Amino acid sequence: MPTETATYLLNAHWQAAASYRLPTAQSDWLLETDSLTARLKSRCQHFRVQLLHEQLYPLPAQLHQCLPASGPAMLREVVLWCDEVAVIYAQSWLPQPTLQTVAPLAQLGEQPLGEFIFRHPALVRQPLQLAQLDSRQLGLGDICPPAPLWARRSVFQLAEQPLLVAEVFLPGVYPL
């Protein structure tokens, strides 16, 4: 069974980005279409990825529509840090056929996923979906104070294989 944080994010009320009217500070980050990793690296002196969890699970029913794959998928959870401030919690679901076709994805460890996928020549990204979250239910209390949070997710295709990336924007990201 996926972590509590992963399950909470899976069950969030995701809507098309156009459904929300966002303040400028949030929209600049949430609607970024280029690499979030590259943008973060350009805004801080020291960038790092903290791997929280990486394990194969049966693909959750909530993802069957957006990830039309059968069998297990790897859940990867990380926190992105800029100058020792937690700025993004990210969750990725990588179906086994995707891992087999694009083998480096299975061995990222603490390397940024965004850095890899945005270099891929055949990258296709589906439209963004957004959700508002309650940080208390997200389970990141040690790195995030109680606050409403914004999240986004989208499905990427690499070599015609899908993967889902969800990113939660922690309060430390907006001053960057």
N, C-alpha and C. Protein backbone atom coordinates (compact mmCIF):
# COMPACT_ATOMS: atom_id res chain seq x y z
N MET A 1 0.84 -1.19 0.00
CA MET A 1 0.00 0.00 0.00
C MET A 1 0.89 1.25 0.00
N PRO A 2 0.58 2.22 -0.86
CA PRO A 2 1.37 3.47 -0.91
C PRO A 2 1.37 4.20 0.43
N THR A 3 2.32 5.10 0.60
CA THR A 3 2.42 5.88 1.83
C THR A 3 1.17 6.72 2.02
N GLU A 4 0.95 7.20 3.25
CA GLU A 4 -0.20 8.07 3.53
C GLU A 4 -0.15 9.33 2.69
N THR A 5 1.04 9.90 2.54
CA THR A 5 1.20 11.11 1.74
C THR A 5 0.80 10.84 0.29
N ALA A 6 1.28 9.72 -0.25
CA ALA A 6 0.95 9.36 -1.64
C ALA A 6 -0.55 9.16 -1.80
N THR A 7 -1.17 8.47 -0.87
CA THR A 7 -2.60 8.20 -0.95
C THR A 7 -3.41 9.50 -0.87
N TYR A 8 -3.02 10.41 0.02
CA TYR A 8 -3.71 11.70 0.12
C TYR A 8 -3.64 12.44 -1.21
N LEU A 9 -2.48 12.46 -1.81
CA LEU A 9 -2.32 13.17 -3.09
C LEU A 9 -3.11 12.49 -4.20
N LEU A 10 -3.15 11.17 -4.20
CA LEU A 10 -3.94 10.45 -5.21
C LEU A 10 -5.43 10.82 -5.13
N ASN A 11 -5.90 11.04 -3.90
CA ASN A 11 -7.33 11.30 -3.69
C ASN A 11 -7.70 12.78 -3.72
N ALA A 12 -6.75 13.64 -4.01
CA ALA A 12 -7.03 15.07 -4.09
C ALA A 12 -8.04 15.35 -5.20
N HIS A 13 -8.68 16.49 -5.10
CA HIS A 13 -9.68 16.90 -6.11
C HIS A 13 -8.96 17.63 -7.24
N TRP A 14 -8.50 16.89 -8.23
CA TRP A 14 -7.73 17.44 -9.35
C TRP A 14 -8.68 18.03 -10.39
N GLN A 15 -8.33 19.24 -10.87
CA GLN A 15 -9.12 19.90 -11.91
C GLN A 15 -8.19 20.52 -12.93
N ALA A 16 -8.72 20.77 -14.11
CA ALA A 16 -7.94 21.44 -15.15
C ALA A 16 -7.45 22.78 -14.62
N ALA A 17 -6.24 23.15 -14.99
CA ALA A 17 -5.64 24.41 -14.51
C ALA A 17 -6.52 25.61 -14.83
N ALA A 18 -7.22 25.58 -15.95
CA ALA A 18 -8.07 26.70 -16.35
C ALA A 18 -9.26 26.89 -15.40
N SER A 19 -9.55 25.90 -14.56
CA SER A 19 -10.66 25.99 -13.61
C SER A 19 -10.37 26.92 -12.44
N TYR A 20 -9.10 27.27 -12.26
CA TYR A 20 -8.70 28.08 -11.11
C TYR A 20 -8.29 29.47 -11.54
N ARG A 21 -8.59 30.41 -10.68
CA ARG A 21 -8.08 31.77 -10.83
C ARG A 21 -7.02 31.93 -9.74
N LEU A 22 -5.77 31.96 -10.15
CA LEU A 22 -4.66 31.92 -9.21
C LEU A 22 -4.02 33.29 -9.02
N PRO A 23 -3.57 33.57 -7.79
CA PRO A 23 -2.76 34.77 -7.60
C PRO A 23 -1.46 34.65 -8.40
N THR A 24 -0.89 35.78 -8.80
CA THR A 24 0.30 35.78 -9.65
C THR A 24 1.44 34.99 -9.06
N ALA A 25 1.70 35.13 -7.76
CA ALA A 25 2.82 34.43 -7.13
C ALA A 25 2.69 32.92 -7.31
N GLN A 26 1.48 32.39 -7.19
CA GLN A 26 1.27 30.96 -7.36
C GLN A 26 1.24 30.56 -8.84
N SER A 27 0.59 31.36 -9.67
CA SER A 27 0.45 30.96 -11.08
C SER A 27 1.80 30.91 -11.79
N ASP A 28 2.71 31.81 -11.45
CA ASP A 28 4.04 31.78 -12.08
C ASP A 28 4.74 30.44 -11.86
N TRP A 29 4.54 29.86 -10.70
CA TRP A 29 5.17 28.57 -10.40
C TRP A 29 4.31 27.39 -10.89
N LEU A 30 3.04 27.41 -10.56
CA LEU A 30 2.17 26.27 -10.88
C LEU A 30 2.00 26.05 -12.38
N LEU A 31 2.02 27.11 -13.15
CA LEU A 31 1.78 26.98 -14.59
C LEU A 31 3.06 26.95 -15.41
N GLU A 32 4.19 26.85 -14.74
CA GLU A 32 5.49 26.73 -15.43
C GLU A 32 5.46 25.52 -16.36
N THR A 33 5.79 25.72 -17.62
CA THR A 33 5.76 24.61 -18.57
C THR A 33 7.15 24.02 -18.83
N ASP A 34 8.18 24.76 -18.50
CA ASP A 34 9.53 24.23 -18.65
C ASP A 34 9.91 23.45 -17.39
N SER A 35 11.14 23.04 -17.30
CA SER A 35 11.61 22.23 -16.19
C SER A 35 11.57 23.01 -14.87
N LEU A 36 10.80 22.50 -13.91
CA LEU A 36 10.76 23.10 -12.59
C LEU A 36 12.13 22.96 -11.92
N THR A 37 12.80 21.85 -12.14
CA THR A 37 14.15 21.64 -11.60
C THR A 37 15.10 22.73 -12.07
N ALA A 38 15.09 23.02 -13.37
CA ALA A 38 15.98 24.05 -13.91
C ALA A 38 15.65 25.42 -13.31
N ARG A 39 14.38 25.71 -13.16
CA ARG A 39 13.99 27.00 -12.58
C ARG A 39 14.45 27.11 -11.13
N LEU A 40 14.27 26.04 -10.37
CA LEU A 40 14.70 26.05 -8.97
C LEU A 40 16.22 26.21 -8.88
N LYS A 41 16.95 25.48 -9.70
CA LYS A 41 18.42 25.57 -9.67
C LYS A 41 18.90 26.97 -9.99
N SER A 42 18.18 27.67 -10.85
CA SER A 42 18.59 29.04 -11.21
C SER A 42 18.30 30.04 -10.10
N ARG A 43 17.50 29.66 -9.11
CA ARG A 43 17.08 30.58 -8.05
C ARG A 43 17.80 30.36 -6.72
N CYS A 44 18.70 29.37 -6.66
CA CYS A 44 19.36 29.12 -5.38
C CYS A 44 20.82 28.73 -5.60
N GLN A 45 21.58 28.78 -4.53
CA GLN A 45 23.00 28.42 -4.59
C GLN A 45 23.19 26.91 -4.50
N HIS A 46 22.38 26.27 -3.65
CA HIS A 46 22.54 24.82 -3.42
C HIS A 46 21.19 24.13 -3.59
N PHE A 47 21.09 23.27 -4.59
CA PHE A 47 19.88 22.51 -4.88
C PHE A 47 20.15 21.05 -4.57
N ARG A 48 19.18 20.38 -3.96
CA ARG A 48 19.35 18.93 -3.74
C ARG A 48 18.00 18.23 -3.74
N VAL A 49 18.06 16.94 -4.02
CA VAL A 49 16.89 16.07 -4.02
C VAL A 49 17.04 15.10 -2.85
N GLN A 50 16.03 15.04 -2.01
CA GLN A 50 16.01 14.08 -0.91
C GLN A 50 15.02 12.98 -1.28
N LEU A 51 15.51 11.77 -1.45
CA LEU A 51 14.65 10.63 -1.77
C LEU A 51 13.98 10.16 -0.49
N LEU A 52 12.65 10.22 -0.45
CA LEU A 52 11.90 9.78 0.72
C LEU A 52 11.47 8.33 0.62
N HIS A 53 11.10 7.92 -0.61
CA HIS A 53 10.48 6.60 -0.77
C HIS A 53 10.55 6.21 -2.24
N GLU A 54 10.82 4.96 -2.48
CA GLU A 54 10.83 4.44 -3.85
C GLU A 54 10.53 2.95 -3.78
N GLN A 55 9.37 2.56 -4.34
CA GLN A 55 8.96 1.16 -4.23
C GLN A 55 7.92 0.83 -5.30
N LEU A 56 7.88 -0.42 -5.72
CA LEU A 56 6.86 -0.89 -6.65
C LEU A 56 5.57 -1.21 -5.91
N TYR A 57 4.44 -0.81 -6.49
CA TYR A 57 3.11 -1.11 -5.97
C TYR A 57 2.21 -1.45 -7.15
N PRO A 58 1.10 -2.12 -6.89
CA PRO A 58 0.09 -2.23 -7.95
C PRO A 58 -0.36 -0.80 -8.30
N LEU A 59 -0.59 -0.55 -9.58
CA LEU A 59 -1.02 0.79 -9.99
C LEU A 59 -2.37 1.10 -9.32
N PRO A 60 -2.45 2.20 -8.55
CA PRO A 60 -3.71 2.53 -7.87
C PRO A 60 -4.85 2.77 -8.86
N ALA A 61 -6.05 2.37 -8.45
CA ALA A 61 -7.23 2.52 -9.30
C ALA A 61 -7.43 3.97 -9.73
N GLN A 62 -7.06 4.94 -8.87
CA GLN A 62 -7.24 6.35 -9.19
C GLN A 62 -6.42 6.77 -10.41
N LEU A 63 -5.43 5.98 -10.78
CA LEU A 63 -4.55 6.34 -11.89
C LEU A 63 -4.81 5.54 -13.17
N HIS A 64 -5.74 4.60 -13.13
CA HIS A 64 -5.98 3.77 -14.31
C HIS A 64 -6.38 4.57 -15.52
N GLN A 65 -7.10 5.66 -15.33
CA GLN A 65 -7.54 6.46 -16.47
C GLN A 65 -6.39 7.26 -17.08
N CYS A 66 -5.52 7.83 -16.25
CA CYS A 66 -4.46 8.67 -16.81
C CYS A 66 -3.18 7.89 -17.11
N LEU A 67 -3.01 6.71 -16.55
CA LEU A 67 -1.86 5.85 -16.86
C LEU A 67 -2.38 4.50 -17.32
N PRO A 68 -2.70 4.38 -18.59
CA PRO A 68 -3.29 3.13 -19.08
C PRO A 68 -2.24 2.02 -19.17
N ALA A 69 -1.84 1.51 -18.02
CA ALA A 69 -0.86 0.43 -17.96
C ALA A 69 -1.38 -0.61 -16.99
N SER A 70 -0.92 -1.80 -17.15
CA SER A 70 -1.29 -2.85 -16.20
C SER A 70 -0.02 -3.25 -15.44
N GLY A 71 -0.23 -3.92 -14.35
CA GLY A 71 0.91 -4.37 -13.56
C GLY A 71 1.37 -3.31 -12.58
N PRO A 72 2.52 -3.53 -11.99
CA PRO A 72 3.01 -2.61 -10.97
C PRO A 72 3.57 -1.31 -11.54
N ALA A 73 3.69 -0.35 -10.65
CA ALA A 73 4.30 0.94 -10.99
C ALA A 73 5.20 1.34 -9.82
N MET A 74 6.26 2.05 -10.13
CA MET A 74 7.14 2.52 -9.07
C MET A 74 6.63 3.87 -8.57
N LEU A 75 6.43 3.95 -7.27
CA LEU A 75 6.12 5.21 -6.61
C LEU A 75 7.44 5.79 -6.12
N ARG A 76 7.70 7.01 -6.52
CA ARG A 76 8.91 7.72 -6.09
C ARG A 76 8.48 9.02 -5.44
N GLU A 77 8.90 9.23 -4.19
CA GLU A 77 8.58 10.44 -3.46
C GLU A 77 9.87 11.14 -3.07
N VAL A 78 9.93 12.43 -3.35
CA VAL A 78 11.13 13.21 -3.05
C VAL A 78 10.73 14.58 -2.51
N VAL A 79 11.70 15.23 -1.86
CA VAL A 79 11.58 16.63 -1.50
C VAL A 79 12.71 17.36 -2.20
N LEU A 80 12.39 18.47 -2.85
CA LEU A 80 13.39 19.31 -3.49
C LEU A 80 13.72 20.45 -2.53
N TRP A 81 15.01 20.68 -2.35
CA TRP A 81 15.51 21.69 -1.41
C TRP A 81 16.31 22.74 -2.17
N CYS A 82 16.10 23.99 -1.80
CA CYS A 82 16.91 25.10 -2.30
C CYS A 82 17.50 25.82 -1.10
N ASP A 83 18.82 25.85 -1.06
CA ASP A 83 19.52 26.50 0.05
C ASP A 83 18.97 26.03 1.40
N GLU A 84 18.80 24.73 1.50
CA GLU A 84 18.33 24.05 2.71
C GLU A 84 16.92 24.44 3.16
N VAL A 85 16.12 24.92 2.22
CA VAL A 85 14.70 25.17 2.46
C VAL A 85 13.91 24.21 1.58
N ALA A 86 13.00 23.45 2.19
CA ALA A 86 12.14 22.53 1.43
C ALA A 86 11.18 23.36 0.59
N VAL A 87 11.20 23.13 -0.73
CA VAL A 87 10.35 23.95 -1.61
C VAL A 87 9.31 23.15 -2.39
N ILE A 88 9.57 21.89 -2.66
CA ILE A 88 8.64 21.05 -3.43
C ILE A 88 8.65 19.64 -2.86
N TYR A 89 7.46 19.08 -2.66
CA TYR A 89 7.31 17.65 -2.44
C TYR A 89 6.84 17.11 -3.78
N ALA A 90 7.50 16.08 -4.31
CA ALA A 90 7.12 15.53 -5.61
C ALA A 90 6.87 14.03 -5.49
N GLN A 91 5.88 13.60 -6.23
CA GLN A 91 5.49 12.20 -6.27
C GLN A 91 5.39 11.79 -7.74
N SER A 92 6.03 10.68 -8.07
CA SER A 92 5.97 10.19 -9.45
C SER A 92 5.49 8.75 -9.44
N TRP A 93 4.68 8.43 -10.43
CA TRP A 93 4.24 7.05 -10.66
C TRP A 93 4.77 6.64 -12.03
N LEU A 94 5.61 5.62 -12.03
CA LEU A 94 6.26 5.16 -13.25
C LEU A 94 5.87 3.70 -13.49
N PRO A 95 4.94 3.44 -14.41
CA PRO A 95 4.53 2.06 -14.68
C PRO A 95 5.71 1.20 -15.15
N GLN A 96 5.63 -0.08 -14.87
CA GLN A 96 6.72 -0.98 -15.20
C GLN A 96 7.11 -0.95 -16.69
N PRO A 97 6.15 -0.90 -17.64
CA PRO A 97 6.56 -0.80 -19.04
C PRO A 97 7.39 0.46 -19.33
N THR A 98 7.08 1.56 -18.63
CA THR A 98 7.86 2.79 -18.79
C THR A 98 9.28 2.58 -18.28
N LEU A 99 9.39 1.94 -17.12
CA LEU A 99 10.72 1.67 -16.54
C LEU A 99 11.55 0.74 -17.43
N GLN A 100 10.89 -0.19 -18.08
CA GLN A 100 11.61 -1.12 -18.96
C GLN A 100 12.05 -0.43 -20.25
N THR A 101 11.21 0.45 -20.78
CA THR A 101 11.53 1.14 -22.03
C THR A 101 12.55 2.25 -21.82
N VAL A 102 12.41 2.99 -20.72
CA VAL A 102 13.29 4.11 -20.41
C VAL A 102 14.03 3.74 -19.12
N ALA A 103 14.95 2.80 -19.23
CA ALA A 103 15.61 2.19 -18.07
C ALA A 103 16.25 3.17 -17.09
N PRO A 104 16.85 4.30 -17.51
CA PRO A 104 17.46 5.19 -16.51
C PRO A 104 16.47 5.71 -15.46
N LEU A 105 15.19 5.71 -15.75
CA LEU A 105 14.20 6.17 -14.78
C LEU A 105 14.17 5.31 -13.52
N ALA A 106 14.53 4.05 -13.66
CA ALA A 106 14.50 3.12 -12.52
C ALA A 106 15.70 3.30 -11.61
N GLN A 107 16.67 4.12 -12.00
CA GLN A 107 17.90 4.23 -11.24
C GLN A 107 18.26 5.68 -10.93
N LEU A 108 17.27 6.54 -10.74
CA LEU A 108 17.54 7.96 -10.51
C LEU A 108 18.11 8.24 -9.12
N GLY A 109 17.65 7.50 -8.12
CA GLY A 109 18.11 7.78 -6.76
C GLY A 109 17.82 9.22 -6.40
N GLU A 110 18.85 9.97 -6.01
CA GLU A 110 18.65 11.38 -5.64
C GLU A 110 18.96 12.34 -6.79
N GLN A 111 18.89 11.84 -8.00
CA GLN A 111 19.01 12.69 -9.18
C GLN A 111 17.61 13.22 -9.53
N PRO A 112 17.51 14.46 -10.00
CA PRO A 112 16.19 15.02 -10.32
C PRO A 112 15.55 14.37 -11.54
N LEU A 113 14.32 13.94 -11.39
CA LEU A 113 13.56 13.36 -12.50
C LEU A 113 13.39 14.39 -13.61
N GLY A 114 13.09 15.65 -13.23
CA GLY A 114 12.86 16.70 -14.21
C GLY A 114 14.06 16.94 -15.11
N GLU A 115 15.24 16.84 -14.54
CA GLU A 115 16.45 17.03 -15.32
C GLU A 115 16.56 15.98 -16.43
N PHE A 116 16.13 14.75 -16.13
CA PHE A 116 16.18 13.68 -17.12
C PHE A 116 15.08 13.84 -18.17
N ILE A 117 13.84 14.02 -17.73
CA ILE A 117 12.76 13.99 -18.71
C ILE A 117 12.76 15.20 -19.64
N PHE A 118 13.18 16.36 -19.17
CA PHE A 118 13.18 17.53 -20.05
C PHE A 118 14.33 17.51 -21.05
N ARG A 119 15.25 16.59 -20.90
CA ARG A 119 16.31 16.39 -21.90
C ARG A 119 15.92 15.34 -22.94
N HIS A 120 14.85 14.63 -22.68
CA HIS A 120 14.43 13.54 -23.57
C HIS A 120 13.88 14.12 -24.87
N PRO A 121 14.38 13.67 -26.02
CA PRO A 121 13.97 14.27 -27.30
C PRO A 121 12.51 14.04 -27.67
N ALA A 122 11.89 12.99 -27.15
CA ALA A 122 10.52 12.67 -27.52
C ALA A 122 9.53 12.96 -26.39
N LEU A 123 9.81 13.98 -25.60
CA LEU A 123 8.95 14.32 -24.46
C LEU A 123 7.63 14.93 -24.94
N VAL A 124 6.53 14.41 -24.40
CA VAL A 124 5.20 14.97 -24.63
C VAL A 124 4.56 15.13 -23.26
N ARG A 125 3.98 16.31 -23.01
CA ARG A 125 3.35 16.56 -21.72
C ARG A 125 1.87 16.85 -21.93
N GLN A 126 1.04 16.18 -21.16
CA GLN A 126 -0.39 16.44 -21.20
C GLN A 126 -0.70 17.67 -20.34
N PRO A 127 -1.90 18.23 -20.48
CA PRO A 127 -2.25 19.44 -19.73
C PRO A 127 -2.14 19.26 -18.21
N LEU A 128 -1.82 20.36 -17.55
CA LEU A 128 -1.70 20.37 -16.09
C LEU A 128 -3.07 20.28 -15.43
N GLN A 129 -3.08 19.61 -14.29
CA GLN A 129 -4.23 19.63 -13.39
C GLN A 129 -3.74 20.21 -12.07
N LEU A 130 -4.63 20.92 -11.37
CA LEU A 130 -4.28 21.54 -10.10
C LEU A 130 -5.21 21.06 -8.99
N ALA A 131 -4.72 21.18 -7.77
CA ALA A 131 -5.53 20.86 -6.58
C ALA A 131 -5.04 21.72 -5.42
N GLN A 132 -5.95 22.01 -4.52
CA GLN A 132 -5.58 22.65 -3.26
C GLN A 132 -5.57 21.58 -2.19
N LEU A 133 -4.55 21.65 -1.33
CA LEU A 133 -4.35 20.62 -0.31
C LEU A 133 -4.25 21.24 1.06
N ASP A 134 -4.47 20.41 2.07
CA ASP A 134 -4.27 20.79 3.46
C ASP A 134 -2.95 20.17 3.91
N SER A 135 -1.98 20.99 4.24
CA SER A 135 -0.65 20.47 4.59
C SER A 135 -0.70 19.53 5.79
N ARG A 136 -1.69 19.70 6.68
CA ARG A 136 -1.78 18.81 7.85
C ARG A 136 -2.10 17.39 7.43
N GLN A 137 -2.84 17.22 6.35
CA GLN A 137 -3.18 15.88 5.87
C GLN A 137 -2.10 15.30 4.97
N LEU A 138 -1.22 16.13 4.50
CA LEU A 138 -0.16 15.67 3.60
C LEU A 138 0.91 14.88 4.35
N GLY A 139 1.06 15.13 5.64
CA GLY A 139 2.00 14.37 6.44
C GLY A 139 3.44 14.83 6.32
N LEU A 140 3.65 16.10 6.03
CA LEU A 140 5.01 16.64 5.92
C LEU A 140 5.26 17.70 6.99
N GLY A 141 4.68 17.49 8.17
CA GLY A 141 4.75 18.46 9.24
C GLY A 141 6.14 18.87 9.65
N ASP A 142 7.12 17.98 9.48
CA ASP A 142 8.48 18.33 9.88
C ASP A 142 9.13 19.32 8.92
N ILE A 143 8.62 19.45 7.70
CA ILE A 143 9.21 20.40 6.74
C ILE A 143 8.23 21.45 6.24
N CYS A 144 6.97 21.35 6.67
CA CYS A 144 5.96 22.27 6.16
C CYS A 144 4.99 22.66 7.27
N PRO A 145 4.88 23.95 7.58
CA PRO A 145 3.92 24.37 8.61
C PRO A 145 2.49 24.18 8.11
N PRO A 146 1.52 24.14 9.04
CA PRO A 146 0.13 24.03 8.61
C PRO A 146 -0.25 25.20 7.69
N ALA A 147 -0.70 24.88 6.51
CA ALA A 147 -1.07 25.91 5.54
C ALA A 147 -1.79 25.25 4.37
N PRO A 148 -2.63 26.00 3.68
CA PRO A 148 -3.17 25.47 2.42
C PRO A 148 -2.05 25.46 1.39
N LEU A 149 -2.00 24.42 0.61
CA LEU A 149 -0.95 24.27 -0.40
C LEU A 149 -1.57 24.04 -1.76
N TRP A 150 -0.83 24.46 -2.78
CA TRP A 150 -1.21 24.18 -4.16
C TRP A 150 -0.37 23.03 -4.68
N ALA A 151 -0.98 22.23 -5.54
CA ALA A 151 -0.27 21.13 -6.18
C ALA A 151 -0.66 21.09 -7.65
N ARG A 152 0.21 20.50 -8.43
CA ARG A 152 -0.09 20.29 -9.85
C ARG A 152 0.35 18.88 -10.21
N ARG A 153 -0.24 18.37 -11.28
CA ARG A 153 0.20 17.08 -11.80
C ARG A 153 -0.02 17.06 -13.29
N SER A 154 0.76 16.23 -13.95
CA SER A 154 0.57 16.00 -15.37
C SER A 154 1.20 14.67 -15.74
N VAL A 155 0.71 14.15 -16.85
CA VAL A 155 1.24 12.92 -17.40
C VAL A 155 2.23 13.30 -18.50
N PHE A 156 3.37 12.69 -18.44
CA PHE A 156 4.40 12.85 -19.48
C PHE A 156 4.47 11.55 -20.27
N GLN A 157 4.86 11.67 -21.52
CA GLN A 157 5.13 10.51 -22.38
C GLN A 157 6.59 10.58 -22.78
N LEU A 158 7.33 9.52 -22.51
CA LEU A 158 8.71 9.37 -22.97
C LEU A 158 8.77 8.10 -23.79
N ALA A 159 9.22 8.21 -25.01
CA ALA A 159 9.25 7.04 -25.91
C ALA A 159 7.88 6.36 -25.92
N GLU A 160 6.83 7.17 -25.93
CA GLU A 160 5.44 6.72 -25.96
C GLU A 160 5.03 5.94 -24.72
N GLN A 161 5.77 6.11 -23.63
CA GLN A 161 5.45 5.45 -22.36
C GLN A 161 5.08 6.52 -21.33
N PRO A 162 3.97 6.32 -20.59
CA PRO A 162 3.50 7.35 -19.67
C PRO A 162 4.13 7.27 -18.28
N LEU A 163 4.20 8.43 -17.65
CA LEU A 163 4.52 8.53 -16.23
C LEU A 163 3.79 9.75 -15.69
N LEU A 164 3.41 9.70 -14.44
CA LEU A 164 2.68 10.81 -13.82
C LEU A 164 3.59 11.48 -12.80
N VAL A 165 3.63 12.79 -12.84
CA VAL A 165 4.40 13.58 -11.87
C VAL A 165 3.45 14.56 -11.19
N ALA A 166 3.43 14.52 -9.86
CA ALA A 166 2.66 15.46 -9.06
C ALA A 166 3.64 16.23 -8.18
N GLU A 167 3.43 17.53 -8.09
CA GLU A 167 4.33 18.40 -7.31
C GLU A 167 3.50 19.27 -6.39
N VAL A 168 3.88 19.28 -5.12
CA VAL A 168 3.23 20.12 -4.11
C VAL A 168 4.18 21.27 -3.82
N PHE A 169 3.66 22.48 -3.94
CA PHE A 169 4.46 23.69 -3.78
C PHE A 169 4.42 24.11 -2.31
N LEU A 170 5.54 23.94 -1.63
CA LEU A 170 5.64 24.29 -0.21
C LEU A 170 5.85 25.79 -0.09
N PRO A 171 5.53 26.40 1.07
CA PRO A 171 5.61 27.86 1.20
C PRO A 171 6.98 28.46 0.86
N GLY A 172 8.06 27.72 1.05
CA GLY A 172 9.39 28.24 0.78
C GLY A 172 9.70 28.50 -0.68
N VAL A 173 8.87 28.01 -1.60
CA VAL A 173 9.15 28.19 -3.03
C VAL A 173 8.83 29.60 -3.51
N TYR A 174 7.79 30.22 -2.95
CA TYR A 174 7.30 31.48 -3.52
C TYR A 174 8.27 32.67 -3.39
N PRO A 175 9.07 32.76 -2.33
CA PRO A 175 10.04 33.87 -2.28
C PRO A 175 11.20 33.74 -3.28
N LEU A 176 11.38 32.58 -3.88
CA LEU A 176 12.50 32.39 -4.81
C LEU A 176 12.31 33.18 -6.09
